[in-house]
Amino acid sequence: MPIEPRERREGTADEAAALAFAAAVDADAEIGPLDEAAEPSADELASAREARIRRILDFEGAWTSHGGAKARAIRAEFGWTPTRYYQVLDGLLETAEAVRHDPMLVRRLLRLREAR
């Protein structure tokens, strides 16, 4: 049974993830294959990326330590594994958007990361 690789689209994986995330958050939007002719504008990519950053930081800031319950909440909220969630969270801590959204939380998470 041969498995063929998916076609590679233009743009980065982060841009595609930000667009998919924004579409999933919008209750009226239908998620479907991207139209090759309709390229997303830079403003759409930036707003989708900022929405993703805000949602992740708000989740992390509101969370209190409850052990394994956080893993279930991550799966329910984002549909990601906890490993993927922490990879994304770690990557966004270095962005200016994250610092603008919640500087105290970002500094605290950076301190925790450096302590490990």
PDB file of N, CA and C in Angstrom:
ATOM      1  N   MET A   1       0.844  -1.168   0.000  1.00  0.00           N
ATOM      2  CA  MET A   1       0.000   0.000   0.000  1.00  0.00           C
ATOM      3  C   MET A   1       0.895   1.239   0.000  1.00  0.00           C
ATOM      4  N   PRO A   2       1.064   1.883  -1.156  1.00  0.00           N
ATOM      5  CA  PRO A   2       1.951   3.047  -1.228  1.00  0.00           C
ATOM      6  C   PRO A   2       1.320   4.263  -0.546  1.00  0.00           C
ATOM      7  N   ILE A   3       2.174   5.018   0.117  1.00  0.00           N
ATOM      8  CA  ILE A   3       1.734   6.250   0.777  1.00  0.00           C
ATOM      9  C   ILE A   3       2.439   7.413   0.097  1.00  0.00           C
ATOM     10  N   GLU A   4       1.640   8.302  -0.455  1.00  0.00           N
ATOM     11  CA  GLU A   4       2.213   9.448  -1.144  1.00  0.00           C
ATOM     12  C   GLU A   4       2.221  10.649  -0.206  1.00  0.00           C
ATOM     13  N   PRO A   5       3.304  11.441  -0.245  1.00  0.00           N
ATOM     14  CA  PRO A   5       3.359  12.621   0.627  1.00  0.00           C
ATOM     15  C   PRO A   5       2.350  13.677   0.180  1.00  0.00           C
ATOM     16  N   ARG A   6       1.912  14.471   1.147  1.00  0.00           N
ATOM     17  CA  ARG A   6       0.992  15.555   0.834  1.00  0.00           C
ATOM     18  C   ARG A   6       1.716  16.645   0.053  1.00  0.00           C
ATOM     19  N   GLU A   7       0.949  17.395  -0.735  1.00  0.00           N
ATOM     20  CA  GLU A   7       1.528  18.504  -1.476  1.00  0.00           C
ATOM     21  C   GLU A   7       1.944  19.593  -0.503  1.00  0.00           C
ATOM     22  N   ARG A   8       3.096  20.209  -0.763  1.00  0.00           N
ATOM     23  CA  ARG A   8       3.583  21.284   0.092  1.00  0.00           C
ATOM     24  C   ARG A   8       3.058  22.607  -0.431  1.00  0.00           C
ATOM     25  N   ARG A   9       2.439  23.376   0.459  1.00  0.00           N
ATOM     26  CA  ARG A   9       1.912  24.679   0.088  1.00  0.00           C
ATOM     27  C   ARG A   9       2.932  25.751   0.430  1.00  0.00           C
ATOM     28  N   GLU A  10       2.762  26.903  -0.179  1.00  0.00           N
ATOM     29  CA  GLU A  10       3.643  28.032   0.105  1.00  0.00           C
ATOM     30  C   GLU A  10       3.379  28.521   1.523  1.00  0.00           C
ATOM     31  N   GLY A  11       4.372  29.156   2.131  1.00  0.00           N
ATOM     32  CA  GLY A  11       4.222  29.699   3.475  1.00  0.00           C
ATOM     33  C   GLY A  11       4.810  28.758   4.510  1.00  0.00           C
ATOM     34  N   THR A  12       4.952  29.276   5.702  1.00  0.00           N
ATOM     35  CA  THR A  12       5.540  28.474   6.769  1.00  0.00           C
ATOM     36  C   THR A  12       4.472  27.683   7.502  1.00  0.00           C
ATOM     37  N   ALA A  13       4.932  26.728   8.255  1.00  0.00           N
ATOM     38  CA  ALA A  13       4.008  25.915   9.045  1.00  0.00           C
ATOM     39  C   ALA A  13       3.335  26.772  10.111  1.00  0.00           C
ATOM     40  N   ASP A  14       4.064  27.758  10.654  1.00  0.00           N
ATOM     41  CA  ASP A  14       3.490  28.632  11.666  1.00  0.00           C
ATOM     42  C   ASP A  14       2.355  29.469  11.090  1.00  0.00           C
ATOM     43  N   GLU A  15       2.516  29.953   9.866  1.00  0.00           N
ATOM     44  CA  GLU A  15       1.458  30.727   9.225  1.00  0.00           C
ATOM     45  C   GLU A  15       0.225  29.860   8.987  1.00  0.00           C
ATOM     46  N   ALA A  16       0.450  28.650   8.516  1.00  0.00           N
ATOM     47  CA  ALA A  16      -0.669  27.737   8.268  1.00  0.00           C
ATOM     48  C   ALA A  16      -1.375  27.379   9.577  1.00  0.00           C
ATOM     49  N   ALA A  17      -0.609  27.144  10.641  1.00  0.00           N
ATOM     50  CA  ALA A  17      -1.202  26.811  11.931  1.00  0.00           C
ATOM     51  C   ALA A  17      -1.991  27.990  12.491  1.00  0.00           C
ATOM     52  N   ALA A  18      -1.450  29.195  12.319  1.00  0.00           N
ATOM     53  CA  ALA A  18      -2.154  30.379  12.816  1.00  0.00           C
ATOM     54  C   ALA A  18      -3.478  30.573  12.087  1.00  0.00           C
ATOM     55  N   LEU A  19      -3.482  30.356  10.785  1.00  0.00           N
ATOM     56  CA  LEU A  19      -4.721  30.486  10.020  1.00  0.00           C
ATOM     57  C   LEU A  19      -5.732  29.410  10.408  1.00  0.00           C
ATOM     58  N   ALA A  20      -5.267  28.188  10.570  1.00  0.00           N
ATOM     59  CA  ALA A  20      -6.162  27.101  10.961  1.00  0.00           C
ATOM     60  C   ALA A  20      -6.721  27.343  12.359  1.00  0.00           C
ATOM     61  N   PHE A  21      -5.887  27.857  13.239  1.00  0.00           N
ATOM     62  CA  PHE A  21      -6.310  28.163  14.594  1.00  0.00           C
ATOM     63  C   PHE A  21      -7.387  29.242  14.592  1.00  0.00           C
ATOM     64  N   ALA A  22      -7.166  30.303  13.821  1.00  0.00           N
ATOM     65  CA  ALA A  22      -8.140  31.397  13.751  1.00  0.00           C
ATOM     66  C   ALA A  22      -9.459  30.904  13.157  1.00  0.00           C
ATOM     67  N   ALA A  23      -9.387  30.040  12.172  1.00  0.00           N
ATOM     68  CA  ALA A  23     -10.602  29.508  11.555  1.00  0.00           C
ATOM     69  C   ALA A  23     -11.365  28.624  12.527  1.00  0.00           C
ATOM     70  N   ALA A  24     -10.643  27.860  13.342  1.00  0.00           N
ATOM     71  CA  ALA A  24     -11.294  26.980  14.304  1.00  0.00           C
ATOM     72  C   ALA A  24     -11.944  27.769  15.430  1.00  0.00           C
ATOM     73  N   VAL A  25     -11.342  28.885  15.812  1.00  0.00           N
ATOM     74  CA  VAL A  25     -11.886  29.702  16.882  1.00  0.00           C
ATOM     75  C   VAL A  25     -13.164  30.395  16.434  1.00  0.00           C
ATOM     76  N   ASP A  26     -13.203  30.809  15.184  1.00  0.00           N
ATOM     77  CA  ASP A  26     -14.378  31.484  14.659  1.00  0.00           C
ATOM     78  C   ASP A  26     -15.492  30.451  14.480  1.00  0.00           C
ATOM     79  N   ALA A  27     -16.535  30.576  15.245  1.00  0.00           N
ATOM     80  CA  ALA A  27     -17.612  29.578  15.236  1.00  0.00           C
ATOM     81  C   ALA A  27     -18.341  29.526  13.895  1.00  0.00           C
ATOM     82  N   ASP A  28     -18.351  30.616  13.147  1.00  0.00           N
ATOM     83  CA  ASP A  28     -19.066  30.655  11.880  1.00  0.00           C
ATOM     84  C   ASP A  28     -18.232  30.161  10.709  1.00  0.00           C
ATOM     85  N   ALA A  29     -16.936  30.011  10.919  1.00  0.00           N
ATOM     86  CA  ALA A  29     -16.052  29.624   9.820  1.00  0.00           C
ATOM     87  C   ALA A  29     -16.094  28.112   9.613  1.00  0.00           C
ATOM     88  N   GLU A  30     -15.981  27.712   8.385  1.00  0.00           N
ATOM     89  CA  GLU A  30     -15.880  26.296   8.062  1.00  0.00           C
ATOM     90  C   GLU A  30     -14.441  25.990   7.715  1.00  0.00           C
ATOM     91  N   ILE A  31     -13.892  24.947   8.315  1.00  0.00           N
ATOM     92  CA  ILE A  31     -12.519  24.565   8.033  1.00  0.00           C
ATOM     93  C   ILE A  31     -12.526  23.661   6.820  1.00  0.00           C
ATOM     94  N   GLY A  32     -11.739  24.010   5.854  1.00  0.00           N
ATOM     95  CA  GLY A  32     -11.650  23.222   4.640  1.00  0.00           C
ATOM     96  C   GLY A  32     -10.294  23.438   4.012  1.00  0.00           C
ATOM     97  N   PRO A  33     -10.057  22.828   2.865  1.00  0.00           N
ATOM     98  CA  PRO A  33      -8.768  23.020   2.215  1.00  0.00           C
ATOM     99  C   PRO A  33      -8.602  24.467   1.784  1.00  0.00           C
ATOM    100  N   LEU A  34      -7.373  24.938   1.878  1.00  0.00           N
ATOM    101  CA  LEU A  34      -7.080  26.305   1.479  1.00  0.00           C
ATOM    102  C   LEU A  34      -7.195  26.443  -0.028  1.00  0.00           C
ATOM    103  N   ASP A  35      -7.774  27.516  -0.467  1.00  0.00           N
ATOM    104  CA  ASP A  35      -7.896  27.814  -1.884  1.00  0.00           C
ATOM    105  C   ASP A  35      -6.543  28.308  -2.376  1.00  0.00           C
ATOM    106  N   GLU A  36      -5.999  27.674  -3.377  1.00  0.00           N
ATOM    107  CA  GLU A  36      -4.679  28.039  -3.884  1.00  0.00           C
ATOM    108  C   GLU A  36      -4.654  29.461  -4.426  1.00  0.00           C
ATOM    109  N   ALA A  37      -5.758  29.944  -4.992  1.00  0.00           N
ATOM    110  CA  ALA A  37      -5.792  31.273  -5.579  1.00  0.00           C
ATOM    111  C   ALA A  37      -5.900  32.359  -4.513  1.00  0.00           C
ATOM    112  N   ALA A  38      -6.465  32.060  -3.372  1.00  0.00           N
ATOM    113  CA  ALA A  38      -6.663  33.062  -2.339  1.00  0.00           C
ATOM    114  C   ALA A  38      -5.515  33.010  -1.332  1.00  0.00           C
ATOM    115  N   GLU A  39      -4.554  33.888  -1.521  1.00  0.00           N
ATOM    116  CA  GLU A  39      -3.435  33.984  -0.593  1.00  0.00           C
ATOM    117  C   GLU A  39      -3.841  34.862   0.580  1.00  0.00           C
ATOM    118  N   PRO A  40      -3.592  34.434   1.811  1.00  0.00           N
ATOM    119  CA  PRO A  40      -3.936  35.269   2.953  1.00  0.00           C
ATOM    120  C   PRO A  40      -3.048  36.510   2.993  1.00  0.00           C
ATOM    121  N   SER A  41      -3.639  37.614   3.405  1.00  0.00           N
ATOM    122  CA  SER A  41      -2.870  38.855   3.483  1.00  0.00           C
ATOM    123  C   SER A  41      -1.985  38.835   4.722  1.00  0.00           C
ATOM    124  N   ALA A  42      -1.042  39.743   4.737  1.00  0.00           N
ATOM    125  CA  ALA A  42      -0.139  39.837   5.881  1.00  0.00           C
ATOM    126  C   ALA A  42      -0.907  40.223   7.138  1.00  0.00           C
ATOM    127  N   ASP A  43      -1.938  41.054   6.984  1.00  0.00           N
ATOM    128  CA  ASP A  43      -2.749  41.446   8.135  1.00  0.00           C
ATOM    129  C   ASP A  43      -3.514  40.257   8.709  1.00  0.00           C
ATOM    130  N   GLU A  44      -4.049  39.414   7.834  1.00  0.00           N
ATOM    131  CA  GLU A  44      -4.769  38.225   8.300  1.00  0.00           C
ATOM    132  C   GLU A  44      -3.839  37.284   9.050  1.00  0.00           C
ATOM    133  N   LEU A  45      -2.630  37.099   8.519  1.00  0.00           N
ATOM    134  CA  LEU A  45      -1.661  36.226   9.177  1.00  0.00           C
ATOM    135  C   LEU A  45      -1.263  36.791  10.533  1.00  0.00           C
ATOM    136  N   ALA A  46      -1.025  38.097  10.586  1.00  0.00           N
ATOM    137  CA  ALA A  46      -0.611  38.722  11.843  1.00  0.00           C
ATOM    138  C   ALA A  46      -1.722  38.648  12.880  1.00  0.00           C
ATOM    139  N   SER A  47      -2.960  38.919  12.482  1.00  0.00           N
ATOM    140  CA  SER A  47      -4.061  38.877  13.452  1.00  0.00           C
ATOM    141  C   SER A  47      -4.339  37.453  13.909  1.00  0.00           C
ATOM    142  N   ALA A  48      -4.220  36.482  13.011  1.00  0.00           N
ATOM    143  CA  ALA A  48      -4.416  35.085  13.394  1.00  0.00           C
ATOM    144  C   ALA A  48      -3.323  34.635  14.364  1.00  0.00           C
ATOM    145  N   ARG A  49      -2.106  35.064  14.103  1.00  0.00           N
ATOM    146  CA  ARG A  49      -0.986  34.700  14.977  1.00  0.00           C
ATOM    147  C   ARG A  49      -1.159  35.339  16.353  1.00  0.00           C
ATOM    148  N   GLU A  50      -1.559  36.606  16.386  1.00  0.00           N
ATOM    149  CA  GLU A  50      -1.773  37.281  17.664  1.00  0.00           C
ATOM    150  C   GLU A  50      -2.920  36.647  18.445  1.00  0.00           C
ATOM    151  N   ALA A  51      -3.980  36.240  17.763  1.00  0.00           N
ATOM    152  CA  ALA A  51      -5.099  35.575  18.440  1.00  0.00           C
ATOM    153  C   ALA A  51      -4.645  34.253  19.059  1.00  0.00           C
ATOM    154  N   ARG A  52      -3.810  33.527  18.340  1.00  0.00           N
ATOM    155  CA  ARG A  52      -3.287  32.263  18.850  1.00  0.00           C
ATOM    156  C   ARG A  52      -2.431  32.501  20.090  1.00  0.00           C
ATOM    157  N   ILE A  53      -1.562  33.500  20.023  1.00  0.00           N
ATOM    158  CA  ILE A  53      -0.693  33.822  21.153  1.00  0.00           C
ATOM    159  C   ILE A  53      -1.516  34.235  22.363  1.00  0.00           C
ATOM    160  N   ARG A  54      -2.512  35.103  22.154  1.00  0.00           N
ATOM    161  CA  ARG A  54      -3.360  35.560  23.263  1.00  0.00           C
ATOM    162  C   ARG A  54      -4.094  34.389  23.905  1.00  0.00           C
ATOM    163  N   ARG A  55      -4.629  33.500  23.085  1.00  0.00           N
ATOM    164  CA  ARG A  55      -5.402  32.375  23.626  1.00  0.00           C
ATOM    165  C   ARG A  55      -4.516  31.444  24.450  1.00  0.00           C
ATOM    166  N   ILE A  56      -3.323  31.150  23.966  1.00  0.00           N
ATOM    167  CA  ILE A  56      -2.413  30.264  24.694  1.00  0.00           C
ATOM    168  C   ILE A  56      -1.961  30.912  25.997  1.00  0.00           C
ATOM    169  N   LEU A  57      -1.589  32.198  25.943  1.00  0.00           N
ATOM    170  CA  LEU A  57      -1.133  32.882  27.153  1.00  0.00           C
ATOM    171  C   LEU A  57      -2.269  33.037  28.170  1.00  0.00           C
ATOM    172  N   ASP A  58      -3.470  33.308  27.695  1.00  0.00           N
ATOM    173  CA  ASP A  58      -4.604  33.416  28.620  1.00  0.00           C
ATOM    174  C   ASP A  58      -4.872  32.082  29.303  1.00  0.00           C
ATOM    175  N   PHE A  59      -4.782  31.003  28.554  1.00  0.00           N
ATOM    176  CA  PHE A  59      -4.966  29.669  29.129  1.00  0.00           C
ATOM    177  C   PHE A  59      -3.896  29.402  30.176  1.00  0.00           C
ATOM    178  N   GLU A  60      -2.649  29.671  29.836  1.00  0.00           N
ATOM    179  CA  GLU A  60      -1.538  29.398  30.749  1.00  0.00           C
ATOM    180  C   GLU A  60      -1.621  30.290  31.990  1.00  0.00           C
ATOM    181  N   GLY A  61      -1.988  31.550  31.816  1.00  0.00           N
ATOM    182  CA  GLY A  61      -2.072  32.466  32.946  1.00  0.00           C
ATOM    183  C   GLY A  61      -3.215  32.145  33.888  1.00  0.00           C
ATOM    184  N   ALA A  62      -4.301  31.620  33.353  1.00  0.00           N
ATOM    185  CA  ALA A  62      -5.467  31.310  34.177  1.00  0.00           C
ATOM    186  C   ALA A  62      -5.349  29.952  34.856  1.00  0.00           C
ATOM    187  N   TRP A  63      -4.390  29.153  34.416  1.00  0.00           N
ATOM    188  CA  TRP A  63      -4.300  27.798  34.923  1.00  0.00           C
ATOM    189  C   TRP A  63      -3.675  27.775  36.304  1.00  0.00           C
ATOM    190  N   THR A  64      -4.228  26.977  37.188  1.00  0.00           N
ATOM    191  CA  THR A  64      -3.622  26.707  38.486  1.00  0.00           C
ATOM    192  C   THR A  64      -3.198  25.252  38.486  1.00  0.00           C
ATOM    193  N   SER A  65      -2.212  24.932  39.229  1.00  0.00           N
ATOM    194  CA  SER A  65      -1.652  23.575  39.226  1.00  0.00           C
ATOM    195  C   SER A  65      -2.645  22.563  39.788  1.00  0.00           C
ATOM    196  N   HIS A  66      -3.015  21.623  38.932  1.00  0.00           N
ATOM    197  CA  HIS A  66      -3.896  20.533  39.347  1.00  0.00           C
ATOM    198  C   HIS A  66      -3.406  19.197  38.811  1.00  0.00           C
ATOM    199  N   GLY A  67      -2.118  19.071  38.626  1.00  0.00           N
ATOM    200  CA  GLY A  67      -1.562  17.796  38.193  1.00  0.00           C
ATOM    201  C   GLY A  67      -2.008  17.379  36.811  1.00  0.00           C
ATOM    202  N   GLY A  68      -2.532  16.167  36.699  1.00  0.00           N
ATOM    203  CA  GLY A  68      -2.920  15.602  35.415  1.00  0.00           C
ATOM    204  C   GLY A  68      -4.112  16.263  34.765  1.00  0.00           C
ATOM    205  N   ALA A  69      -4.840  17.049  35.519  1.00  0.00           N
ATOM    206  CA  ALA A  69      -6.007  17.703  34.946  1.00  0.00           C
ATOM    207  C   ALA A  69      -5.612  18.697  33.860  1.00  0.00           C
ATOM    208  N   LYS A  70      -4.428  19.264  33.939  1.00  0.00           N
ATOM    209  CA  LYS A  70      -3.996  20.234  32.932  1.00  0.00           C
ATOM    210  C   LYS A  70      -3.840  19.550  31.573  1.00  0.00           C
ATOM    211  N   ALA A  71      -3.336  18.345  31.555  1.00  0.00           N
ATOM    212  CA  ALA A  71      -3.178  17.621  30.296  1.00  0.00           C
ATOM    213  C   ALA A  71      -4.539  17.414  29.623  1.00  0.00           C
ATOM    214  N   ARG A  72      -5.539  17.073  30.406  1.00  0.00           N
ATOM    215  CA  ARG A  72      -6.891  16.907  29.850  1.00  0.00           C
ATOM    216  C   ARG A  72      -7.450  18.233  29.357  1.00  0.00           C
ATOM    217  N   ALA A  73      -7.174  19.301  30.110  1.00  0.00           N
ATOM    218  CA  ALA A  73      -7.658  20.619  29.707  1.00  0.00           C
ATOM    219  C   ALA A  73      -6.974  21.084  28.417  1.00  0.00           C
ATOM    220  N   ILE A  74      -5.697  20.773  28.251  1.00  0.00           N
ATOM    221  CA  ILE A  74      -4.979  21.131  27.024  1.00  0.00           C
ATOM    222  C   ILE A  74      -5.596  20.410  25.832  1.00  0.00           C
ATOM    223  N   ARG A  75      -5.863  19.129  26.001  1.00  0.00           N
ATOM    224  CA  ARG A  75      -6.489  18.367  24.908  1.00  0.00           C
ATOM    225  C   ARG A  75      -7.875  18.899  24.572  1.00  0.00           C
ATOM    226  N   ALA A  76      -8.648  19.255  25.598  1.00  0.00           N
ATOM    227  CA  ALA A  76     -10.000  19.760  25.368  1.00  0.00           C
ATOM    228  C   ALA A  76      -9.986  21.147  24.741  1.00  0.00           C
ATOM    229  N   GLU A  77      -9.080  22.005  25.188  1.00  0.00           N
ATOM    230  CA  GLU A  77      -9.046  23.391  24.722  1.00  0.00           C
ATOM    231  C   GLU A  77      -8.440  23.533  23.336  1.00  0.00           C
ATOM    232  N   PHE A  78      -7.316  22.852  23.096  1.00  0.00           N
ATOM    233  CA  PHE A  78      -6.570  23.047  21.855  1.00  0.00           C
ATOM    234  C   PHE A  78      -6.566  21.835  20.929  1.00  0.00           C
ATOM    235  N   GLY A  79      -6.867  20.666  21.455  1.00  0.00           N
ATOM    236  CA  GLY A  79      -6.803  19.463  20.643  1.00  0.00           C
ATOM    237  C   GLY A  79      -5.375  19.007  20.390  1.00  0.00           C
ATOM    238  N   TRP A  80      -4.455  19.442  21.243  1.00  0.00           N
ATOM    239  CA  TRP A  80      -3.043  19.096  21.111  1.00  0.00           C
ATOM    240  C   TRP A  80      -2.637  18.163  22.235  1.00  0.00           C
ATOM    241  N   THR A  81      -1.534  17.480  22.035  1.00  0.00           N
ATOM    242  CA  THR A  81      -0.931  16.744  23.136  1.00  0.00           C
ATOM    243  C   THR A  81      -0.249  17.766  24.045  1.00  0.00           C
ATOM    244  N   PRO A  82      -0.050  17.433  25.307  1.00  0.00           N
ATOM    245  CA  PRO A  82       0.669  18.362  26.186  1.00  0.00           C
ATOM    246  C   PRO A  82       2.068  18.694  25.670  1.00  0.00           C
ATOM    247  N   THR A  83       2.721  17.729  25.051  1.00  0.00           N
ATOM    248  CA  THR A  83       4.053  17.993  24.500  1.00  0.00           C
ATOM    249  C   THR A  83       4.002  19.079  23.434  1.00  0.00           C
ATOM    250  N   ARG A  84       3.043  18.987  22.530  1.00  0.00           N
ATOM    251  CA  ARG A  84       2.895  19.996  21.480  1.00  0.00           C
ATOM    252  C   ARG A  84       2.550  21.361  22.077  1.00  0.00           C
ATOM    253  N   TYR A  85       1.675  21.368  23.085  1.00  0.00           N
ATOM    254  CA  TYR A  85       1.301  22.618  23.740  1.00  0.00           C
ATOM    255  C   TYR A  85       2.536  23.318  24.302  1.00  0.00           C
ATOM    256  N   TYR A  86       3.380  22.562  25.011  1.00  0.00           N
ATOM    257  CA  TYR A  86       4.569  23.171  25.610  1.00  0.00           C
ATOM    258  C   TYR A  86       5.594  23.579  24.562  1.00  0.00           C
ATOM    259  N   GLN A  87       5.655  22.882  23.447  1.00  0.00           N
ATOM    260  CA  GLN A  87       6.526  23.315  22.353  1.00  0.00           C
ATOM    261  C   GLN A  87       6.074  24.660  21.799  1.00  0.00           C
ATOM    262  N   VAL A  88       4.769  24.787  21.572  1.00  0.00           N
ATOM    263  CA  VAL A  88       4.224  26.049  21.045  1.00  0.00           C
ATOM    264  C   VAL A  88       4.399  27.162  22.069  1.00  0.00           C
ATOM    265  N   LEU A  89       4.093  26.888  23.324  1.00  0.00           N
ATOM    266  CA  LEU A  89       4.243  27.880  24.383  1.00  0.00           C
ATOM    267  C   LEU A  89       5.694  28.345  24.488  1.00  0.00           C
ATOM    268  N   ASP A  90       6.626  27.413  24.448  1.00  0.00           N
ATOM    269  CA  ASP A  90       8.046  27.758  24.524  1.00  0.00           C
ATOM    270  C   ASP A  90       8.458  28.640  23.349  1.00  0.00           C
ATOM    271  N   GLY A  91       7.962  28.345  22.167  1.00  0.00           N
ATOM    272  CA  GLY A  91       8.312  29.138  20.994  1.00  0.00           C
ATOM    273  C   GLY A  91       7.740  30.538  21.024  1.00  0.00           C
ATOM    274  N   LEU A  92       6.557  30.699  21.574  1.00  0.00           N
ATOM    275  CA  LEU A  92       5.950  32.031  21.554  1.00  0.00           C
ATOM    276  C   LEU A  92       6.462  32.940  22.666  1.00  0.00           C
ATOM    277  N   LEU A  93       7.152  32.393  23.656  1.00  0.00           N
ATOM    278  CA  LEU A  93       7.682  33.231  24.728  1.00  0.00           C
ATOM    279  C   LEU A  93       8.700  34.242  24.231  1.00  0.00           C
ATOM    280  N   GLU A  94       9.332  33.971  23.111  1.00  0.00           N
ATOM    281  CA  GLU A  94      10.360  34.858  22.565  1.00  0.00           C
ATOM    282  C   GLU A  94       9.780  35.950  21.677  1.00  0.00           C
ATOM    283  N   THR A  95       8.479  35.959  21.449  1.00  0.00           N
ATOM    284  CA  THR A  95       7.893  36.917  20.514  1.00  0.00           C
ATOM    285  C   THR A  95       7.515  38.216  21.208  1.00  0.00           C
ATOM    286  N   ALA A  96       7.553  39.291  20.432  1.00  0.00           N
ATOM    287  CA  ALA A  96       7.171  40.603  20.954  1.00  0.00           C
ATOM    288  C   ALA A  96       5.679  40.656  21.262  1.00  0.00           C
ATOM    289  N   GLU A  97       4.873  39.934  20.485  1.00  0.00           N
ATOM    290  CA  GLU A  97       3.430  39.922  20.725  1.00  0.00           C
ATOM    291  C   GLU A  97       3.107  39.351  22.101  1.00  0.00           C
ATOM    292  N   ALA A  98       3.823  38.307  22.490  1.00  0.00           N
ATOM    293  CA  ALA A  98       3.589  37.683  23.797  1.00  0.00           C
ATOM    294  C   ALA A  98       3.947  38.651  24.921  1.00  0.00           C
ATOM    295  N   VAL A  99       5.060  39.342  24.781  1.00  0.00           N
ATOM    296  CA  VAL A  99       5.480  40.292  25.811  1.00  0.00           C
ATOM    297  C   VAL A  99       4.483  41.443  25.903  1.00  0.00           C
ATOM    298  N   ARG A 100       3.984  41.904  24.759  1.00  0.00           N
ATOM    299  CA  ARG A 100       2.993  42.986  24.773  1.00  0.00           C
ATOM    300  C   ARG A 100       1.690  42.535  25.428  1.00  0.00           C
ATOM    301  N   HIS A 101       1.304  41.291  25.207  1.00  0.00           N
ATOM    302  CA  HIS A 101       0.019  40.801  25.743  1.00  0.00           C
ATOM    303  C   HIS A 101       0.062  40.625  27.258  1.00  0.00           C
ATOM    304  N   ASP A 102       1.083  39.959  27.767  1.00  0.00           N
ATOM    305  CA  ASP A 102       1.169  39.699  29.207  1.00  0.00           C
ATOM    306  C   ASP A 102       2.637  39.625  29.628  1.00  0.00           C
ATOM    307  N   PRO A 103       3.271  40.780  29.841  1.00  0.00           N
ATOM    308  CA  PRO A 103       4.715  40.779  30.130  1.00  0.00           C
ATOM    309  C   PRO A 103       5.085  40.039  31.419  1.00  0.00           C
ATOM    310  N   MET A 104       4.259  40.149  32.450  1.00  0.00           N
ATOM    311  CA  MET A 104       4.607  39.479  33.710  1.00  0.00           C
ATOM    312  C   MET A 104       4.577  37.964  33.571  1.00  0.00           C
ATOM    313  N   LEU A 105       3.568  37.442  32.899  1.00  0.00           N
ATOM    314  CA  LEU A 105       3.479  36.002  32.683  1.00  0.00           C
ATOM    315  C   LEU A 105       4.651  35.510  31.839  1.00  0.00           C
ATOM    316  N   VAL A 106       4.981  36.242  30.782  1.00  0.00           N
ATOM    317  CA  VAL A 106       6.086  35.835  29.910  1.00  0.00           C
ATOM    318  C   VAL A 106       7.393  35.819  30.693  1.00  0.00           C
ATOM    319  N   ARG A 107       7.640  36.855  31.496  1.00  0.00           N
ATOM    320  CA  ARG A 107       8.878  36.885  32.300  1.00  0.00           C
ATOM    321  C   ARG A 107       8.927  35.722  33.289  1.00  0.00           C
ATOM    322  N   ARG A 108       7.787  35.428  33.923  1.00  0.00           N
ATOM    323  CA  ARG A 108       7.750  34.315  34.875  1.00  0.00           C
ATOM    324  C   ARG A 108       8.037  32.984  34.180  1.00  0.00           C
ATOM    325  N   LEU A 109       7.422  32.775  33.007  1.00  0.00           N
ATOM    326  CA  LEU A 109       7.654  31.520  32.280  1.00  0.00           C
ATOM    327  C   LEU A 109       9.094  31.432  31.779  1.00  0.00           C
ATOM    328  N   LEU A 110       9.692  32.567  31.378  1.00  0.00           N
ATOM    329  CA  LEU A 110      11.095  32.549  30.948  1.00  0.00           C
ATOM    330  C   LEU A 110      12.012  32.228  32.123  1.00  0.00           C
ATOM    331  N   ARG A 111      11.707  32.778  33.303  1.00  0.00           N
ATOM    332  CA  ARG A 111      12.506  32.449  34.484  1.00  0.00           C
ATOM    333  C   ARG A 111      12.416  30.968  34.819  1.00  0.00           C
ATOM    334  N   LEU A 112      11.203  30.409  34.738  1.00  0.00           N
ATOM    335  CA  LEU A 112      11.041  28.974  35.003  1.00  0.00           C
ATOM    336  C   LEU A 112      11.804  28.128  33.986  1.00  0.00           C
ATOM    337  N   ARG A 113      11.780  28.553  32.736  1.00  0.00           N
ATOM    338  CA  ARG A 113      12.493  27.815  31.691  1.00  0.00           C
ATOM    339  C   ARG A 113      13.989  27.855  31.913  1.00  0.00           C
ATOM    340  N   GLU A 114      14.512  29.017  32.312  1.00  0.00           N
ATOM    341  CA  GLU A 114      15.948  29.145  32.547  1.00  0.00           C
ATOM    342  C   GLU A 114      16.397  28.371  33.777  1.00  0.00           C
ATOM    343  N   ALA A 115      15.509  28.190  34.750  1.00  0.00           N
ATOM    344  CA  ALA A 115      15.859  27.461  35.965  1.00  0.00           C
ATOM    345  C   ALA A 115      16.002  25.960  35.720  1.00  0.00           C
ATOM    346  N   ARG A 116      15.441  25.449  34.640  1.00  0.00           N
ATOM    347  CA  ARG A 116      15.511  24.004  34.368  1.00  0.00           C
ATOM    348  C   ARG A 116      16.832  23.598  33.820  1.00  0.00           C
TER     349      ARG A 116
END
